[in-house]
Amino acid sequence: MVVRHDARKVVWLYLVAVSLFSLLLLFGQLLAGGQLAGAQQEETGLEKHPQPTATPVPCFNSGVLTGAILTTDPVQAGRINRDGVASSCQAPKSCSILVDSLPRHYDSYNFVNTSGSASCYTVRVDAGSCTGSHYLFSTTYLASFNPSSLCTNYLADIGISPNPVGSYSFTVPAGATFVVVVHEIEVNAGCPAYNITVSNCQAPCGLQFSDVPSTSPFYVPVRCLACRGVISGYADGTFRPNTAITRGQIAKMVNNAAGYTEPVSGQTFQDVPPTYTFYAPIQRLAARGIMSGYPCGGPGEPCVNNRPYFRPNANATRAQIAKIVSNAAGYAEVQTIQTFQDVPPSNQFYQFIQRLASRNIMQGYPCGGPGEPCVNNRPYFRPTNIVTRGQASKIVANAFFPGCNP
């Protein structure tokens, strides 16, 4: 009895041991499986270690950099020709011919494109009081600047001396260094102070006018100017591109595009008092000789302190706008050829019209129409035609923001 009892006890203990061993084995497998799953989870980065997202590189803006051209600054050998056409990312150009090899003082600024891809940069130069005999010029070089070889590494230039504001743009490869140079035009003329900004920031523009759809020939220039605060529309959301532009409106448009912001005072024109909507831009352009008025004494224009009249509500003609834009943009080279049959060299607007035509800022109409016979196949400019708001926007955008496409 005792033996059977002991035997049964042994068997029972054996079964208990086997069961406990099986449970321990199962628990070990589950634990190992959990650790393996955790290891796999950690390795693949699921949930526990989520994949980081790429952080976009913010655009670059140098802010306003103030400089001065002094006799103690380094010198470069000569200067390139001012061809009147500002470089743009959409229309890059090659180095122009050298005017001479005379020493001119310059400042240089080094930058690096850290955006991670090729990027369009814009240089804006505000010459301040450095105009006329103190004109400046700006050129940009890729990688490095050699003051003894001005076309080596040439990338872009401003085209014409700022009067006082000008800009140009160019594309820089990813990771590349570029050097912005500002120099005097007249030898030893110097410049007491100027400002430049360099940026590749292109903020999206949401402005849209209901009557300027994307299919309109004026869509790009109107948006170009509107997005820069140069022009605005009406309260009903329209721009009215086919409405004739007035002298007051074109004064404001050109003033804003040229960047004139100085405070004004006094009264130049009898019909433009300080309370008038376009008083400030008209005064600024008049002070620079860009726009002028008409002598008093005519019908409805009595002489008061002998002030001339501006006639701000009169419509502007193609010839007048050519003169205004040419003067504001600082175009001053002497023209000698005749492009348009109805604008001979004896025409009072000939030089201004030719300067804009040579830059493709304004064009003409094919000959052969009523009253426009073909002579040497020259087109007609129609200088006395009235200009619309859409046409004026295109002219101003072409002159001050070449290649603009907001």
Protein backbone atom coordinates (compact mmCIF):
# COMPACT_ATOMS: atom_id res chain seq x y z
CA MET A 1 0.00 0.00 0.00
CA VAL A 2 2.69 2.27 0.93
CA VAL A 3 4.54 1.43 -2.23
CA ARG A 4 1.54 2.08 -4.45
CA HIS A 5 0.88 5.35 -2.62
CA ASP A 6 4.49 6.43 -3.12
CA ALA A 7 4.36 5.42 -6.77
CA ARG A 8 1.21 7.40 -7.39
CA LYS A 9 2.82 10.35 -5.63
CA VAL A 10 5.86 10.14 -7.83
CA VAL A 11 3.72 9.99 -10.97
CA TRP A 12 1.69 12.97 -9.76
CA LEU A 13 4.80 15.00 -9.04
CA TYR A 14 6.18 14.11 -12.48
CA LEU A 15 3.02 15.33 -14.19
CA VAL A 16 3.06 18.57 -12.20
CA ALA A 17 6.72 19.15 -13.14
CA VAL A 18 6.03 18.53 -16.83
CA SER A 19 3.12 20.95 -16.76
CA LEU A 20 5.17 23.64 -15.04
CA PHE A 21 7.99 23.16 -17.56
CA SER A 22 5.56 23.49 -20.45
CA LEU A 23 4.14 26.69 -18.98
CA LEU A 24 7.62 28.11 -18.48
CA LEU A 25 8.56 27.23 -22.05
CA LEU A 26 5.45 28.88 -23.45
CA PHE A 27 6.04 31.99 -21.36
CA GLY A 28 9.62 32.17 -22.60
CA GLN A 29 8.48 31.94 -26.21
CA LEU A 30 5.93 34.69 -25.70
CA LEU A 31 8.51 36.89 -24.01
CA ALA A 32 11.06 36.28 -26.76
CA GLY A 33 8.41 36.97 -29.40
CA GLY A 34 7.51 40.24 -27.73
CA GLN A 35 11.15 41.31 -27.58
CA LEU A 36 11.60 40.36 -31.23
CA ALA A 37 8.53 42.31 -32.23
CA GLY A 38 9.81 45.28 -30.23
CA ALA A 39 13.19 44.99 -31.91
CA GLN A 40 11.55 44.80 -35.33
CA GLN A 41 9.39 47.79 -34.47
CA GLU A 42 12.42 49.79 -33.37
CA GLU A 43 14.39 48.79 -36.46
CA THR A 44 11.69 49.84 -38.92
CA GLY A 45 10.94 53.03 -37.00
CA LEU A 46 7.21 52.40 -36.77
CA GLU A 47 5.46 54.61 -34.23
CA LYS A 48 8.25 54.40 -31.70
CA HIS A 49 10.68 56.23 -33.99
CA PRO A 50 8.63 58.00 -36.72
CA GLN A 51 10.54 59.05 -39.84
CA PRO A 52 11.49 62.76 -39.78
CA THR A 53 10.02 64.96 -42.53
CA ALA A 54 12.24 67.19 -44.66
CA THR A 55 12.35 70.78 -43.42
CA PRO A 56 12.18 73.29 -46.28
CA VAL A 57 15.03 75.78 -46.39
CA PRO A 58 13.64 79.29 -45.79
CA CYS A 59 14.21 81.88 -48.49
CA PHE A 60 17.10 84.30 -48.10
CA ASN A 61 16.80 88.05 -47.66
CA SER A 62 19.90 90.07 -46.89
CA GLY A 63 17.90 92.97 -45.51
CA VAL A 64 19.07 96.48 -46.36
CA LEU A 65 22.87 96.66 -46.72
CA THR A 66 24.27 100.17 -46.67
CA GLY A 67 27.50 101.00 -48.46
CA ALA A 68 29.53 103.93 -49.76
CA ILE A 69 32.04 104.25 -52.59
CA LEU A 70 35.16 105.93 -51.17
CA THR A 71 38.61 106.72 -52.49
CA THR A 72 39.97 104.17 -50.03
CA ASP A 73 37.98 101.34 -51.62
CA PRO A 74 39.69 98.87 -53.99
CA VAL A 75 39.62 99.58 -57.72
CA GLN A 76 38.61 97.57 -60.77
CA ALA A 77 39.98 97.94 -64.27
CA GLY A 78 37.36 99.81 -66.33
CA ARG A 79 33.65 99.04 -66.52
CA ILE A 80 31.29 97.17 -68.79
CA ASN A 81 28.93 99.02 -71.14
CA ARG A 82 25.54 100.06 -69.81
CA ASP A 83 23.31 98.51 -72.48
CA GLY A 84 20.07 99.59 -70.79
CA VAL A 85 18.76 96.03 -70.37
CA ALA A 86 18.66 94.57 -66.86
CA SER A 87 19.49 90.88 -66.56
CA SER A 88 16.62 88.64 -65.45
CA CYS A 89 16.22 85.01 -64.52
CA GLN A 90 13.94 84.58 -67.51
CA ALA A 91 16.30 86.38 -69.90
CA PRO A 92 19.96 86.08 -68.86
CA LYS A 93 22.56 87.87 -70.96
CA SER A 94 26.28 87.76 -71.61
CA CYS A 95 28.94 90.24 -70.55
CA SER A 96 28.81 93.44 -72.57
CA ILE A 97 31.82 95.16 -74.11
CA LEU A 98 34.26 97.06 -71.89
CA VAL A 99 34.06 100.83 -72.12
CA ASP A 100 37.65 101.47 -71.00
CA SER A 101 40.25 100.29 -68.48
CA LEU A 102 40.27 103.29 -66.13
CA PRO A 103 40.36 102.50 -62.39
CA ARG A 104 37.00 102.74 -60.61
CA HIS A 105 36.33 102.16 -56.93
CA TYR A 106 33.97 99.37 -55.95
CA ASP A 107 32.36 97.47 -53.08
CA SER A 108 31.73 93.71 -53.21
CA TYR A 109 29.35 91.45 -51.28
CA ASN A 110 29.68 87.64 -51.12
CA PHE A 111 26.68 85.31 -50.82
CA VAL A 112 26.04 81.56 -51.05
CA ASN A 113 22.94 79.84 -52.40
CA THR A 114 22.01 77.50 -49.53
CA SER A 115 18.49 76.76 -50.77
CA GLY A 116 19.40 73.25 -51.92
CA SER A 117 18.50 73.91 -55.56
CA ALA A 118 19.08 76.46 -58.30
CA SER A 119 17.37 79.68 -57.27
CA CYS A 120 16.47 83.07 -58.74
CA TYR A 121 17.97 85.98 -56.80
CA THR A 122 17.07 89.65 -57.16
CA VAL A 123 19.41 92.53 -56.39
CA ARG A 124 17.79 95.90 -55.72
CA VAL A 125 19.99 98.98 -55.66
CA ASP A 126 18.84 102.28 -54.18
CA ALA A 127 21.46 104.85 -55.13
CA GLY A 128 19.92 107.56 -52.99
CA SER A 129 21.52 110.85 -53.99
CA CYS A 130 24.16 109.11 -56.14
CA THR A 131 22.81 109.99 -59.56
CA GLY A 132 24.04 112.22 -62.37
CA SER A 133 27.79 112.68 -62.01
CA HIS A 134 27.74 110.17 -59.12
CA TYR A 135 25.93 107.36 -60.94
CA LEU A 136 26.49 103.78 -59.78
CA PHE A 137 26.37 100.41 -61.54
CA SER A 138 26.05 96.85 -60.29
CA THR A 139 27.29 93.52 -61.66
CA THR A 140 27.18 90.01 -60.21
CA TYR A 141 29.76 87.24 -60.65
CA LEU A 142 29.58 83.50 -60.08
CA ALA A 143 32.14 81.96 -57.67
CA SER A 144 34.53 84.94 -57.54
CA PHE A 145 35.21 88.43 -58.82
CA ASN A 146 38.41 89.40 -60.62
CA PRO A 147 38.68 93.22 -60.68
CA SER A 148 41.26 93.00 -63.45
CA SER A 149 39.02 90.93 -65.75
CA LEU A 150 35.43 92.15 -65.60
CA CYS A 151 33.92 89.53 -67.89
CA THR A 152 35.47 86.56 -66.08
CA ASN A 153 32.75 84.68 -64.15
CA TYR A 154 30.21 87.30 -65.25
CA LEU A 155 26.65 86.37 -64.29
CA ALA A 156 24.40 89.45 -64.60
CA ASP A 157 24.18 93.24 -64.43
CA ILE A 158 21.67 95.98 -63.76
CA GLY A 159 21.76 97.35 -67.31
CA ILE A 160 21.50 101.03 -66.45
CA SER A 161 22.57 103.21 -63.55
CA PRO A 162 19.83 103.39 -60.87
CA ASN A 163 18.06 106.74 -60.91
CA PRO A 164 17.87 106.27 -58.01
CA VAL A 165 16.39 102.75 -57.84
CA GLY A 166 17.04 99.77 -60.08
CA SER A 167 17.01 95.99 -59.90
CA TYR A 168 18.06 92.87 -61.76
CA SER A 169 17.83 89.11 -61.24
CA PHE A 170 19.79 85.97 -62.05
CA THR A 171 19.84 82.24 -61.36
CA VAL A 172 22.45 80.77 -59.00
CA PRO A 173 23.21 77.00 -58.91
CA ALA A 174 22.70 75.13 -55.64
CA GLY A 175 25.58 75.66 -53.21
CA ALA A 176 27.30 78.23 -55.43
CA THR A 177 28.91 81.45 -54.25
CA PHE A 178 28.05 84.70 -56.02
CA VAL A 179 29.56 88.14 -55.65
CA VAL A 180 27.54 91.35 -56.03
CA VAL A 181 29.67 94.33 -57.05
CA VAL A 182 28.65 98.01 -56.86
CA HIS A 183 30.96 100.56 -58.48
CA GLU A 184 31.14 104.19 -59.52
CA ILE A 185 30.65 105.21 -63.15
CA GLU A 186 32.77 108.37 -63.16
CA VAL A 187 36.36 107.89 -61.99
CA ASN A 188 36.79 109.04 -58.37
CA ALA A 189 33.22 110.41 -58.27
CA GLY A 190 32.34 108.21 -55.30
CA CYS A 191 29.03 107.89 -53.52
CA PRO A 192 28.42 108.88 -49.88
CA ALA A 193 25.69 106.27 -49.30
CA TYR A 194 23.63 103.67 -51.14
CA ASN A 195 21.54 100.64 -50.18
CA ILE A 196 21.24 97.18 -51.69
CA THR A 197 19.09 94.17 -50.87
CA VAL A 198 19.64 90.62 -52.15
CA SER A 199 16.88 88.04 -51.92
CA ASN A 200 15.46 84.90 -53.49
CA CYS A 201 12.17 85.21 -51.59
CA GLN A 202 9.17 85.05 -53.86
CA ALA A 203 6.08 85.30 -51.73
CA PRO A 204 2.94 83.97 -53.39
CA CYS A 205 0.59 86.65 -54.62
CA GLY A 206 -3.12 86.05 -54.34
CA LEU A 207 -4.23 89.25 -56.05
CA GLN A 208 -6.67 88.73 -58.87
CA PHE A 209 -8.95 91.10 -60.77
CA SER A 210 -12.25 89.80 -62.12
CA ASP A 211 -11.77 91.52 -65.47
CA VAL A 212 -8.15 90.41 -66.02
CA PRO A 213 -8.35 86.63 -66.51
CA SER A 214 -5.29 84.47 -67.16
CA THR A 215 -6.11 84.59 -70.87
CA SER A 216 -5.76 88.38 -70.99
CA PRO A 217 -2.64 89.77 -72.72
CA PHE A 218 -2.27 92.04 -69.68
CA TYR A 219 -2.61 89.31 -67.03
CA VAL A 220 1.13 88.97 -66.31
CA PRO A 221 2.10 92.68 -66.26
CA VAL A 222 -0.98 93.67 -64.24
CA ARG A 223 -0.27 90.98 -61.62
CA CYS A 224 3.42 91.85 -61.69
CA LEU A 225 2.68 95.44 -60.70
CA ALA A 226 -0.25 94.70 -58.40
CA CYS A 227 1.71 92.12 -56.41
CA ARG A 228 4.41 94.73 -55.84
CA GLY A 229 1.96 97.40 -54.71
CA VAL A 230 2.65 99.52 -57.80
CA ILE A 231 -0.98 99.55 -58.96
CA SER A 232 -4.36 98.75 -57.48
CA GLY A 233 -7.87 98.17 -58.72
CA TYR A 234 -11.34 99.35 -57.83
CA ALA A 235 -13.60 98.51 -54.90
CA ASP A 236 -15.69 96.18 -57.06
CA GLY A 237 -12.69 93.91 -57.67
CA THR A 238 -12.01 95.09 -61.23
CA PHE A 239 -8.94 96.68 -62.77
CA ARG A 240 -10.60 98.08 -65.92
CA PRO A 241 -7.69 97.38 -68.26
CA ASN A 242 -9.45 98.90 -71.27
CA THR A 243 -10.10 102.24 -69.59
CA ALA A 244 -7.86 105.12 -70.68
CA ILE A 245 -5.18 105.97 -68.13
CA THR A 246 -4.93 109.56 -66.92
CA ARG A 247 -1.83 111.65 -66.34
CA GLY A 248 -2.41 111.45 -62.59
CA GLN A 249 -2.67 107.66 -62.68
CA ILE A 250 0.44 107.17 -64.80
CA ALA A 251 2.35 109.50 -62.46
CA LYS A 252 1.45 107.25 -59.53
CA MET A 253 2.25 104.06 -61.46
CA VAL A 254 5.69 105.25 -62.57
CA ASN A 255 6.49 106.78 -59.17
CA ASN A 256 5.73 103.49 -57.41
CA ALA A 257 7.60 101.39 -59.95
CA ALA A 258 10.68 103.61 -59.65
CA GLY A 259 10.53 103.42 -55.85
CA TYR A 260 10.31 107.15 -55.12
CA THR A 261 9.20 107.58 -51.51
CA GLU A 262 10.69 110.84 -50.20
CA PRO A 263 8.32 113.27 -48.48
CA VAL A 264 7.14 116.24 -50.54
CA SER A 265 5.91 119.72 -49.78
CA GLY A 266 4.83 122.85 -51.58
CA GLN A 267 2.65 123.08 -54.65
CA THR A 268 4.04 123.04 -58.19
CA PHE A 269 0.79 122.88 -60.18
CA GLN A 270 -2.31 124.98 -59.66
CA ASP A 271 -4.63 122.01 -60.24
CA VAL A 272 -2.69 119.61 -57.96
CA PRO A 273 -3.04 120.91 -54.40
CA PRO A 274 -1.60 118.92 -51.44
CA THR A 275 -5.07 117.43 -50.84
CA TYR A 276 -5.22 115.87 -54.30
CA THR A 277 -5.11 112.05 -54.54
CA PHE A 278 -1.98 111.93 -56.70
CA TYR A 279 -0.26 114.97 -55.21
CA ALA A 280 2.81 113.17 -53.81
CA PRO A 281 3.76 111.12 -56.93
CA ILE A 282 3.15 114.11 -59.22
CA GLN A 283 5.36 116.33 -57.05
CA ARG A 284 8.14 113.71 -57.01
CA LEU A 285 8.16 113.29 -60.77
CA ALA A 286 7.97 117.03 -61.34
CA ALA A 287 10.92 117.64 -59.00
CA ARG A 288 12.99 115.21 -61.07
CA GLY A 289 11.95 116.77 -64.39
CA ILE A 290 10.22 113.52 -65.41
CA MET A 291 6.83 115.17 -65.89
CA SER A 292 5.95 118.80 -66.40
CA GLY A 293 2.82 120.88 -66.88
CA TYR A 294 1.26 123.47 -69.14
CA PRO A 295 1.54 127.27 -68.84
CA CYS A 296 -1.38 128.97 -67.14
CA GLY A 297 -3.62 131.38 -68.98
CA GLY A 298 -5.48 128.99 -71.25
CA PRO A 299 -9.24 128.38 -71.25
CA GLY A 300 -10.36 127.51 -67.71
CA GLU A 301 -6.79 127.78 -66.41
CA PRO A 302 -6.37 131.25 -64.92
CA CYS A 303 -2.94 132.25 -63.66
CA VAL A 304 -2.62 132.04 -59.87
CA ASN A 305 0.91 132.81 -58.65
CA ASN A 306 1.88 131.94 -62.23
CA ARG A 307 1.69 128.23 -61.45
CA PRO A 308 1.42 125.88 -64.45
CA TYR A 309 -1.37 123.30 -64.77
CA PHE A 310 -0.75 119.56 -64.73
CA ARG A 311 -4.14 118.42 -66.06
CA PRO A 312 -4.14 115.20 -63.99
CA ASN A 313 -7.45 113.98 -65.42
CA ALA A 314 -6.35 114.30 -69.04
CA ASN A 315 -5.70 111.03 -70.85
CA ALA A 316 -2.06 110.14 -71.46
CA THR A 317 -0.81 109.43 -74.99
CA ARG A 318 1.68 106.81 -76.16
CA ALA A 319 4.33 109.47 -76.81
CA GLN A 320 3.86 111.05 -73.38
CA ILE A 321 4.15 107.73 -71.60
CA ALA A 322 7.27 106.89 -73.61
CA LYS A 323 8.87 110.10 -72.35
CA ILE A 324 7.78 109.59 -68.73
CA VAL A 325 8.97 105.97 -68.56
CA SER A 326 12.23 106.66 -70.40
CA ASN A 327 13.12 109.50 -68.04
CA ALA A 328 12.14 107.63 -64.88
CA ALA A 329 14.12 104.55 -65.92
CA GLY A 330 17.20 106.69 -66.55
CA TYR A 331 17.56 105.95 -70.25
CA ALA A 332 19.72 108.70 -71.68
CA GLU A 333 21.68 107.34 -74.65
CA VAL A 334 21.43 109.24 -77.94
CA GLN A 335 19.40 107.48 -80.63
CA THR A 336 20.19 107.96 -84.31
CA ILE A 337 18.04 105.48 -86.25
CA GLN A 338 14.37 105.72 -87.18
CA THR A 339 12.23 102.74 -86.29
CA PHE A 340 8.75 104.15 -86.90
CA GLN A 341 7.50 105.91 -90.00
CA ASP A 342 5.46 108.42 -87.97
CA VAL A 343 8.25 109.25 -85.50
CA PRO A 344 11.07 110.93 -87.47
CA PRO A 345 14.12 112.37 -85.68
CA SER A 346 12.44 115.78 -85.75
CA ASN A 347 9.58 114.57 -83.54
CA GLN A 348 9.84 116.01 -80.01
CA PHE A 349 9.34 112.50 -78.55
CA TYR A 350 11.72 110.75 -80.94
CA GLN A 351 14.55 110.07 -78.45
CA PHE A 352 12.22 108.71 -75.75
CA ILE A 353 10.26 106.50 -78.14
CA GLN A 354 13.43 105.12 -79.72
CA ARG A 355 14.96 104.33 -76.34
CA LEU A 356 11.94 102.24 -75.35
CA ALA A 357 11.63 100.64 -78.78
CA SER A 358 15.31 99.62 -78.80
CA ARG A 359 14.67 97.76 -75.53
CA ASN A 360 11.46 96.18 -76.82
CA ILE A 361 9.50 97.96 -74.08
CA MET A 362 7.14 99.52 -76.62
CA GLN A 363 6.39 98.39 -80.15
CA GLY A 364 4.50 99.69 -83.14
CA TYR A 365 1.87 98.57 -85.64
CA PRO A 366 2.51 97.06 -89.11
CA CYS A 367 2.27 99.49 -92.00
CA GLY A 368 -0.37 99.13 -94.67
CA GLY A 369 -3.47 100.17 -92.73
CA PRO A 370 -5.70 103.17 -93.51
CA GLY A 371 -3.54 106.28 -93.73
CA GLU A 372 -0.37 104.32 -92.95
CA PRO A 373 1.31 103.51 -96.26
CA CYS A 374 4.39 101.29 -96.21
CA VAL A 375 7.63 103.26 -96.57
CA ASN A 376 10.72 101.06 -96.26
CA ASN A 377 8.33 98.69 -94.48
CA ARG A 378 8.60 100.71 -91.26
CA PRO A 379 5.86 100.16 -88.65
CA TYR A 380 3.81 103.02 -87.18
CA PHE A 381 3.97 104.05 -83.54
CA ARG A 382 0.80 106.18 -83.42
CA PRO A 383 2.25 108.58 -80.82
CA THR A 384 -0.98 110.50 -80.21
CA ASN A 385 -3.09 107.43 -79.44
CA ILE A 386 -4.53 107.23 -75.94
CA VAL A 387 -3.10 104.50 -73.67
CA THR A 388 -5.27 102.14 -71.63
CA ARG A 389 -4.57 101.00 -68.06
CA GLY A 390 -3.68 97.55 -69.34
CA GLN A 391 -1.25 98.90 -71.94
CA ALA A 392 0.37 101.23 -69.42
CA SER A 393 0.85 98.32 -67.02
CA LYS A 394 2.65 96.34 -69.69
CA ILE A 395 4.94 99.25 -70.59
CA VAL A 396 5.86 100.00 -66.96
CA ALA A 397 6.36 96.32 -66.10
CA ASN A 398 8.63 95.83 -69.13
CA ALA A 399 10.75 98.83 -68.14
CA PHE A 400 11.09 98.37 -64.38
CA PHE A 401 10.54 94.63 -63.87
CA PRO A 402 11.77 92.86 -67.03
CA GLY A 403 10.89 89.18 -67.15
CA CYS A 404 8.50 89.53 -64.21
CA ASN A 405 6.06 86.63 -63.89
CA PRO A 406 4.50 86.56 -60.40
